[in-house]
Amino acid sequence: MFREDSLCAVLSEIAKAQEMNMREGVKMLLELPERDISIYTDPARLGQVVNNLINTAVKFTQKGSISLGCNLLDDGKVEIYVRDTGTGMSGEVLSHIFERFFKGDAFVQGTGLGLAICRTIVERFHRKINAVSKEGEGSCFTITLPLQTV
């Protein structure tokens, strides 16, 4: 159900819950702006997407950090990001990550549906999801949403 909500509060709740899922040697970092951001969203669906992105990052990050944060963009939108210091992906793998049942690493637990579900949810609400990655350096997933002003 869509409603106006505090993005900083939603992301803070997610980060707090995800802290216990971090493996030893990996920190969950929360990077929020000084001023709160109000968005019009379905917090349950947004939480599902962000949690899926963090869960994916956990699978591929052996040490370092997973950062959850947001930025205001100049075009009246806000960007939510999940950035990790994990293994990263090749361009070939990156080009398929949002496809159903695709698994970049056959040895990693999962069905290959998590990122496909994320894309479906985000696009159903006319939002954008993107990923950039470099092998050996990690990945960054972004979700772009319209800014709701109060």
N, C-alpha and C. Protein backbone atom coordinates (compact mmCIF):
# COMPACT_ATOMS: atom_id res chain seq x y z
N MET A 1 0.84 -1.18 0.00
CA MET A 1 0.00 0.00 0.00
C MET A 1 0.89 1.24 0.00
N PHE A 2 0.67 2.11 -0.97
CA PHE A 2 1.47 3.31 -1.08
C PHE A 2 1.08 4.34 -0.03
N ARG A 3 2.10 4.99 0.50
CA ARG A 3 1.88 6.07 1.46
C ARG A 3 3.13 6.94 1.52
N GLU A 4 2.97 8.11 2.07
CA GLU A 4 4.13 8.98 2.27
C GLU A 4 4.90 8.44 3.47
N ASP A 5 6.22 8.38 3.35
CA ASP A 5 7.03 7.80 4.42
C ASP A 5 8.39 8.47 4.46
N SER A 6 9.04 8.34 5.60
CA SER A 6 10.40 8.83 5.79
C SER A 6 11.37 7.79 5.24
N LEU A 7 12.11 8.16 4.20
CA LEU A 7 13.06 7.22 3.61
C LEU A 7 14.15 6.87 4.61
N CYS A 8 14.62 7.85 5.37
CA CYS A 8 15.68 7.58 6.35
C CYS A 8 15.21 6.58 7.40
N ALA A 9 13.96 6.69 7.84
CA ALA A 9 13.43 5.74 8.83
C ALA A 9 13.31 4.34 8.24
N VAL A 10 12.83 4.24 7.01
CA VAL A 10 12.68 2.93 6.36
C VAL A 10 14.05 2.27 6.21
N LEU A 11 15.05 3.02 5.72
CA LEU A 11 16.38 2.45 5.52
C LEU A 11 17.05 2.12 6.84
N SER A 12 16.82 2.93 7.87
CA SER A 12 17.40 2.65 9.19
C SER A 12 16.88 1.33 9.75
N GLU A 13 15.58 1.09 9.62
CA GLU A 13 14.98 -0.17 10.08
C GLU A 13 15.58 -1.36 9.36
N ILE A 14 15.73 -1.23 8.05
CA ILE A 14 16.30 -2.33 7.25
C ILE A 14 17.73 -2.61 7.68
N ALA A 15 18.54 -1.56 7.82
CA ALA A 15 19.95 -1.73 8.20
C ALA A 15 20.07 -2.39 9.57
N LYS A 16 19.25 -1.95 10.50
CA LYS A 16 19.29 -2.52 11.85
C LYS A 16 18.97 -4.02 11.82
N ALA A 17 17.94 -4.39 11.06
CA ALA A 17 17.56 -5.80 10.96
C ALA A 17 18.63 -6.62 10.24
N GLN A 18 19.30 -6.02 9.27
CA GLN A 18 20.29 -6.76 8.48
C GLN A 18 21.62 -6.92 9.20
N GLU A 19 21.90 -6.13 10.22
CA GLU A 19 23.18 -6.21 10.93
C GLU A 19 23.47 -7.63 11.41
N MET A 20 22.46 -8.35 11.86
CA MET A 20 22.69 -9.69 12.38
C MET A 20 22.95 -10.71 11.27
N ASN A 21 22.70 -10.34 10.02
CA ASN A 21 22.97 -11.24 8.89
C ASN A 21 24.39 -11.11 8.35
N MET A 22 25.13 -10.13 8.85
CA MET A 22 26.49 -9.91 8.36
C MET A 22 27.41 -11.00 8.88
N ARG A 23 28.25 -11.50 8.00
CA ARG A 23 29.24 -12.50 8.43
C ARG A 23 30.38 -11.80 9.14
N GLU A 24 31.17 -12.55 9.86
CA GLU A 24 32.31 -11.98 10.58
C GLU A 24 33.24 -11.32 9.56
N GLY A 25 33.67 -10.11 9.87
CA GLY A 25 34.57 -9.37 8.99
C GLY A 25 33.86 -8.47 8.00
N VAL A 26 32.51 -8.45 8.04
CA VAL A 26 31.74 -7.59 7.15
C VAL A 26 30.87 -6.66 8.00
N LYS A 27 30.96 -5.37 7.73
CA LYS A 27 30.17 -4.38 8.47
C LYS A 27 29.02 -3.88 7.62
N MET A 28 27.89 -3.66 8.28
CA MET A 28 26.74 -3.02 7.64
C MET A 28 26.86 -1.53 7.93
N LEU A 29 26.96 -0.71 6.90
CA LEU A 29 27.08 0.73 7.05
C LEU A 29 25.81 1.41 6.56
N LEU A 30 25.36 2.41 7.30
CA LEU A 30 24.18 3.18 6.92
C LEU A 30 24.64 4.60 6.61
N GLU A 31 24.38 5.06 5.40
CA GLU A 31 24.83 6.37 4.94
C GLU A 31 23.60 7.20 4.56
N LEU A 32 23.18 8.07 5.47
CA LEU A 32 21.97 8.86 5.25
C LEU A 32 22.30 10.35 5.20
N PRO A 33 21.52 11.12 4.47
CA PRO A 33 21.74 12.57 4.43
C PRO A 33 21.34 13.20 5.76
N GLU A 34 21.83 14.41 6.00
CA GLU A 34 21.50 15.11 7.25
C GLU A 34 20.01 15.42 7.32
N ARG A 35 19.42 15.78 6.19
CA ARG A 35 17.99 16.11 6.16
C ARG A 35 17.20 14.90 5.68
N ASP A 36 16.11 14.60 6.36
CA ASP A 36 15.29 13.45 5.99
C ASP A 36 14.67 13.66 4.61
N ILE A 37 14.34 12.57 3.98
CA ILE A 37 13.74 12.59 2.65
C ILE A 37 12.38 11.91 2.75
N SER A 38 11.36 12.59 2.25
CA SER A 38 10.02 12.04 2.25
C SER A 38 9.74 11.47 0.87
N ILE A 39 9.28 10.22 0.83
CA ILE A 39 8.94 9.59 -0.44
C ILE A 39 7.54 8.99 -0.36
N TYR A 40 6.95 8.80 -1.52
CA TYR A 40 5.65 8.15 -1.63
C TYR A 40 5.93 6.75 -2.15
N THR A 41 5.73 5.74 -1.30
CA THR A 41 6.13 4.39 -1.65
C THR A 41 5.29 3.35 -0.93
N ASP A 42 5.48 2.13 -1.32
CA ASP A 42 4.94 0.99 -0.58
C ASP A 42 6.11 0.48 0.26
N PRO A 43 6.15 0.79 1.55
CA PRO A 43 7.32 0.42 2.37
C PRO A 43 7.58 -1.08 2.43
N ALA A 44 6.55 -1.90 2.34
CA ALA A 44 6.76 -3.35 2.36
C ALA A 44 7.49 -3.81 1.10
N ARG A 45 7.07 -3.31 -0.06
CA ARG A 45 7.72 -3.69 -1.32
C ARG A 45 9.13 -3.10 -1.40
N LEU A 46 9.29 -1.85 -0.96
CA LEU A 46 10.62 -1.24 -0.95
C LEU A 46 11.54 -2.04 -0.03
N GLY A 47 11.03 -2.43 1.13
CA GLY A 47 11.82 -3.25 2.05
C GLY A 47 12.20 -4.58 1.45
N GLN A 48 11.28 -5.20 0.72
CA GLN A 48 11.56 -6.48 0.07
C GLN A 48 12.70 -6.33 -0.93
N VAL A 49 12.66 -5.28 -1.73
CA VAL A 49 13.70 -5.06 -2.74
C VAL A 49 15.04 -4.79 -2.08
N VAL A 50 15.07 -3.87 -1.12
CA VAL A 50 16.34 -3.51 -0.48
C VAL A 50 16.91 -4.71 0.28
N ASN A 51 16.07 -5.45 0.98
CA ASN A 51 16.55 -6.65 1.68
C ASN A 51 17.11 -7.68 0.71
N ASN A 52 16.47 -7.87 -0.44
CA ASN A 52 17.00 -8.79 -1.45
C ASN A 52 18.37 -8.33 -1.94
N LEU A 53 18.52 -7.02 -2.16
CA LEU A 53 19.81 -6.50 -2.63
C LEU A 53 20.89 -6.71 -1.57
N ILE A 54 20.55 -6.47 -0.31
CA ILE A 54 21.53 -6.68 0.77
C ILE A 54 21.86 -8.17 0.90
N ASN A 55 20.86 -9.02 0.83
CA ASN A 55 21.10 -10.47 0.92
C ASN A 55 22.02 -10.95 -0.20
N THR A 56 21.85 -10.40 -1.38
CA THR A 56 22.75 -10.73 -2.49
C THR A 56 24.16 -10.26 -2.19
N ALA A 57 24.29 -9.05 -1.67
CA ALA A 57 25.61 -8.52 -1.32
C ALA A 57 26.30 -9.39 -0.27
N VAL A 58 25.53 -9.86 0.71
CA VAL A 58 26.10 -10.71 1.77
C VAL A 58 26.70 -11.98 1.17
N LYS A 59 26.04 -12.56 0.18
CA LYS A 59 26.53 -13.80 -0.43
C LYS A 59 27.89 -13.63 -1.09
N PHE A 60 28.17 -12.41 -1.58
CA PHE A 60 29.39 -12.20 -2.37
C PHE A 60 30.42 -11.31 -1.68
N THR A 61 30.20 -11.00 -0.40
CA THR A 61 31.14 -10.16 0.34
C THR A 61 31.73 -10.95 1.49
N GLN A 62 32.99 -11.29 1.38
CA GLN A 62 33.68 -12.08 2.40
C GLN A 62 34.27 -11.20 3.50
N LYS A 63 34.67 -9.97 3.13
CA LYS A 63 35.23 -9.03 4.11
C LYS A 63 34.97 -7.61 3.61
N GLY A 64 35.03 -6.67 4.52
CA GLY A 64 34.81 -5.28 4.14
C GLY A 64 33.47 -4.77 4.63
N SER A 65 32.67 -4.25 3.69
CA SER A 65 31.42 -3.62 4.12
C SER A 65 30.34 -3.72 3.06
N ILE A 66 29.12 -3.54 3.55
CA ILE A 66 27.95 -3.38 2.71
C ILE A 66 27.31 -2.08 3.17
N SER A 67 27.19 -1.13 2.25
CA SER A 67 26.65 0.19 2.58
C SER A 67 25.24 0.33 2.02
N LEU A 68 24.36 0.86 2.85
CA LEU A 68 22.99 1.18 2.46
C LEU A 68 22.83 2.67 2.65
N GLY A 69 22.37 3.36 1.62
CA GLY A 69 22.20 4.80 1.75
C GLY A 69 21.32 5.36 0.67
N CYS A 70 21.25 6.70 0.64
CA CYS A 70 20.45 7.37 -0.37
C CYS A 70 21.04 8.74 -0.68
N ASN A 71 20.74 9.22 -1.87
CA ASN A 71 21.19 10.53 -2.34
C ASN A 71 20.03 11.24 -3.01
N LEU A 72 19.96 12.54 -2.82
CA LEU A 72 19.02 13.35 -3.59
C LEU A 72 19.65 13.63 -4.94
N LEU A 73 18.89 13.48 -6.00
CA LEU A 73 19.37 13.77 -7.34
C LEU A 73 18.83 15.11 -7.80
N ASP A 74 19.47 15.70 -8.77
CA ASP A 74 19.08 17.04 -9.23
C ASP A 74 17.75 17.07 -9.98
N ASP A 75 17.29 15.94 -10.46
CA ASP A 75 16.09 15.91 -11.29
C ASP A 75 14.80 15.61 -10.52
N GLY A 76 14.80 15.89 -9.21
CA GLY A 76 13.60 15.66 -8.42
C GLY A 76 13.38 14.20 -8.06
N LYS A 77 14.46 13.46 -8.02
CA LYS A 77 14.38 12.04 -7.67
C LYS A 77 15.36 11.74 -6.55
N VAL A 78 15.20 10.56 -5.98
CA VAL A 78 16.11 10.09 -4.94
C VAL A 78 16.63 8.73 -5.37
N GLU A 79 17.89 8.50 -5.04
CA GLU A 79 18.53 7.23 -5.38
C GLU A 79 18.86 6.49 -4.09
N ILE A 80 18.41 5.26 -3.99
CA ILE A 80 18.77 4.37 -2.88
C ILE A 80 19.84 3.44 -3.41
N TYR A 81 20.88 3.21 -2.61
CA TYR A 81 21.93 2.33 -3.08
C TYR A 81 22.32 1.28 -2.05
N VAL A 82 22.76 0.14 -2.56
CA VAL A 82 23.38 -0.92 -1.77
C VAL A 82 24.72 -1.18 -2.45
N ARG A 83 25.79 -0.84 -1.76
CA ARG A 83 27.15 -0.96 -2.31
C ARG A 83 27.96 -1.93 -1.45
N ASP A 84 28.70 -2.82 -2.09
CA ASP A 84 29.49 -3.77 -1.33
C ASP A 84 30.94 -3.79 -1.79
N THR A 85 31.79 -4.38 -0.96
CA THR A 85 33.21 -4.55 -1.28
C THR A 85 33.48 -6.02 -1.61
N GLY A 86 32.51 -6.65 -2.22
CA GLY A 86 32.59 -8.08 -2.51
C GLY A 86 33.39 -8.42 -3.74
N THR A 87 33.07 -9.56 -4.32
CA THR A 87 33.85 -10.10 -5.44
C THR A 87 33.63 -9.36 -6.74
N GLY A 88 32.52 -8.65 -6.86
CA GLY A 88 32.22 -7.97 -8.11
C GLY A 88 31.80 -8.96 -9.19
N MET A 89 31.47 -8.43 -10.37
CA MET A 89 30.99 -9.27 -11.47
C MET A 89 31.63 -8.82 -12.77
N SER A 90 31.76 -9.76 -13.68
CA SER A 90 32.22 -9.44 -15.03
C SER A 90 31.08 -8.74 -15.78
N GLY A 91 31.40 -8.10 -16.87
CA GLY A 91 30.38 -7.48 -17.70
C GLY A 91 29.37 -8.49 -18.22
N GLU A 92 29.84 -9.68 -18.54
CA GLU A 92 28.96 -10.74 -19.04
C GLU A 92 27.94 -11.14 -17.97
N VAL A 93 28.39 -11.37 -16.75
CA VAL A 93 27.48 -11.72 -15.66
C VAL A 93 26.53 -10.56 -15.39
N LEU A 94 27.07 -9.35 -15.34
CA LEU A 94 26.27 -8.16 -15.05
C LEU A 94 25.11 -8.01 -16.05
N SER A 95 25.34 -8.37 -17.29
CA SER A 95 24.30 -8.21 -18.31
C SER A 95 23.12 -9.17 -18.12
N HIS A 96 23.25 -10.16 -17.24
CA HIS A 96 22.19 -11.15 -17.05
C HIS A 96 21.61 -11.19 -15.63
N ILE A 97 22.11 -10.38 -14.71
CA ILE A 97 21.76 -10.56 -13.30
C ILE A 97 20.29 -10.38 -12.96
N PHE A 98 19.55 -9.63 -13.78
CA PHE A 98 18.14 -9.42 -13.48
C PHE A 98 17.23 -10.44 -14.18
N GLU A 99 17.82 -11.44 -14.81
CA GLU A 99 17.04 -12.48 -15.48
C GLU A 99 16.65 -13.57 -14.48
N ARG A 100 15.45 -14.12 -14.67
CA ARG A 100 14.97 -15.19 -13.79
C ARG A 100 15.89 -16.41 -13.88
N PHE A 101 16.17 -16.98 -12.73
CA PHE A 101 16.96 -18.21 -12.57
C PHE A 101 18.43 -18.06 -12.95
N PHE A 102 18.88 -16.83 -13.23
CA PHE A 102 20.30 -16.66 -13.54
C PHE A 102 21.10 -16.61 -12.25
N LYS A 103 22.15 -17.40 -12.21
CA LYS A 103 23.07 -17.39 -11.07
C LYS A 103 24.47 -17.20 -11.63
N GLY A 104 25.10 -16.13 -11.23
CA GLY A 104 26.45 -15.84 -11.71
C GLY A 104 27.47 -16.83 -11.19
N ASP A 105 27.18 -17.45 -10.07
CA ASP A 105 28.08 -18.43 -9.46
C ASP A 105 27.25 -19.64 -9.05
N ALA A 106 27.46 -20.74 -9.71
CA ALA A 106 26.67 -21.95 -9.44
C ALA A 106 26.87 -22.49 -8.04
N PHE A 107 27.95 -22.08 -7.38
CA PHE A 107 28.26 -22.61 -6.05
C PHE A 107 27.65 -21.78 -4.92
N VAL A 108 27.04 -20.67 -5.25
CA VAL A 108 26.42 -19.82 -4.23
C VAL A 108 24.97 -20.25 -4.06
N GLN A 109 24.55 -20.32 -2.79
CA GLN A 109 23.19 -20.75 -2.47
C GLN A 109 22.18 -19.75 -3.02
N GLY A 110 21.09 -20.24 -3.51
CA GLY A 110 20.01 -19.39 -4.00
C GLY A 110 19.38 -19.97 -5.25
N THR A 111 18.26 -19.37 -5.66
CA THR A 111 17.51 -19.88 -6.81
C THR A 111 17.74 -19.07 -8.08
N GLY A 112 18.37 -17.90 -7.94
CA GLY A 112 18.51 -17.04 -9.10
C GLY A 112 17.27 -16.21 -9.36
N LEU A 113 16.41 -16.07 -8.35
CA LEU A 113 15.17 -15.30 -8.52
C LEU A 113 15.20 -13.94 -7.81
N GLY A 114 16.06 -13.77 -6.83
CA GLY A 114 16.03 -12.56 -6.00
C GLY A 114 16.13 -11.27 -6.78
N LEU A 115 17.12 -11.15 -7.66
CA LEU A 115 17.29 -9.91 -8.42
C LEU A 115 16.21 -9.74 -9.49
N ALA A 116 15.72 -10.85 -10.05
CA ALA A 116 14.62 -10.78 -11.01
C ALA A 116 13.35 -10.26 -10.32
N ILE A 117 13.11 -10.71 -9.11
CA ILE A 117 11.96 -10.22 -8.34
C ILE A 117 12.14 -8.73 -8.04
N CYS A 118 13.34 -8.33 -7.67
CA CYS A 118 13.60 -6.91 -7.43
C CYS A 118 13.25 -6.08 -8.65
N ARG A 119 13.73 -6.49 -9.81
CA ARG A 119 13.45 -5.75 -11.04
C ARG A 119 11.95 -5.69 -11.32
N THR A 120 11.25 -6.81 -11.15
CA THR A 120 9.81 -6.84 -11.41
C THR A 120 9.07 -5.87 -10.50
N ILE A 121 9.39 -5.87 -9.22
CA ILE A 121 8.72 -4.97 -8.27
C ILE A 121 9.02 -3.52 -8.62
N VAL A 122 10.28 -3.21 -8.83
CA VAL A 122 10.68 -1.82 -9.11
C VAL A 122 10.03 -1.33 -10.40
N GLU A 123 10.08 -2.11 -11.45
CA GLU A 123 9.51 -1.68 -12.72
C GLU A 123 7.99 -1.64 -12.71
N ARG A 124 7.36 -2.49 -11.90
CA ARG A 124 5.89 -2.46 -11.80
C ARG A 124 5.41 -1.10 -11.30
N PHE A 125 6.20 -0.48 -10.46
CA PHE A 125 5.84 0.83 -9.92
C PHE A 125 6.51 1.96 -10.69
N HIS A 126 6.97 1.67 -11.91
CA HIS A 126 7.56 2.67 -12.81
C HIS A 126 8.78 3.36 -12.20
N ARG A 127 9.57 2.57 -11.49
CA ARG A 127 10.83 3.04 -10.92
C ARG A 127 11.96 2.37 -11.69
N LYS A 128 13.20 2.74 -11.37
CA LYS A 128 14.35 2.16 -12.08
C LYS A 128 15.29 1.46 -11.11
N ILE A 129 15.86 0.34 -11.57
CA ILE A 129 16.89 -0.37 -10.81
C ILE A 129 18.07 -0.58 -11.75
N ASN A 130 19.26 -0.43 -11.20
CA ASN A 130 20.47 -0.53 -12.00
C ASN A 130 21.59 -1.14 -11.16
N ALA A 131 22.59 -1.66 -11.84
CA ALA A 131 23.75 -2.21 -11.14
C ALA A 131 25.01 -1.87 -11.92
N VAL A 132 26.07 -1.57 -11.18
CA VAL A 132 27.41 -1.42 -11.75
C VAL A 132 28.32 -2.29 -10.91
N SER A 133 29.34 -2.84 -11.55
CA SER A 133 30.21 -3.75 -10.83
C SER A 133 31.56 -3.85 -11.53
N LYS A 134 32.56 -4.17 -10.74
CA LYS A 134 33.89 -4.42 -11.28
C LYS A 134 34.46 -5.62 -10.54
N GLU A 135 34.92 -6.59 -11.30
CA GLU A 135 35.48 -7.79 -10.68
C GLU A 135 36.58 -7.43 -9.70
N GLY A 136 36.50 -8.03 -8.51
CA GLY A 136 37.50 -7.81 -7.48
C GLY A 136 37.30 -6.55 -6.66
N GLU A 137 36.32 -5.72 -7.03
CA GLU A 137 36.11 -4.45 -6.32
C GLU A 137 34.73 -4.30 -5.71
N GLY A 138 33.78 -5.10 -6.12
CA GLY A 138 32.44 -5.01 -5.56
C GLY A 138 31.41 -4.52 -6.55
N SER A 139 30.20 -4.31 -6.03
CA SER A 139 29.06 -3.93 -6.85
C SER A 139 28.26 -2.84 -6.16
N CYS A 140 27.50 -2.11 -6.96
CA CYS A 140 26.59 -1.11 -6.41
C CYS A 140 25.26 -1.21 -7.17
N PHE A 141 24.20 -1.46 -6.42
CA PHE A 141 22.85 -1.51 -6.97
C PHE A 141 22.14 -0.22 -6.58
N THR A 142 21.41 0.37 -7.52
CA THR A 142 20.67 1.60 -7.24
C THR A 142 19.21 1.44 -7.64
N ILE A 143 18.36 2.08 -6.85
CA ILE A 143 16.94 2.18 -7.14
C ILE A 143 16.64 3.67 -7.20
N THR A 144 16.00 4.12 -8.27
CA THR A 144 15.68 5.53 -8.43
C THR A 144 14.17 5.72 -8.27
N LEU A 145 13.80 6.63 -7.36
CA LEU A 145 12.39 6.90 -7.04
C LEU A 145 12.10 8.38 -7.17
N PRO A 146 10.86 8.76 -7.45
CA PRO A 146 10.51 10.18 -7.44
C PRO A 146 10.52 10.70 -6.00
N LEU A 147 10.91 11.94 -5.86
CA LEU A 147 10.95 12.58 -4.55
C LEU A 147 9.56 13.10 -4.21
N GLN A 148 9.12 12.82 -3.00
CA GLN A 148 7.84 13.33 -2.51
C GLN A 148 8.14 14.46 -1.55
N THR A 149 7.75 15.66 -1.88
CA THR A 149 8.00 16.79 -0.99
C THR A 149 6.83 16.97 -0.04
N VAL A 150 7.14 17.44 1.17
CA VAL A 150 6.09 17.69 2.16
C VAL A 150 5.97 19.16 2.43
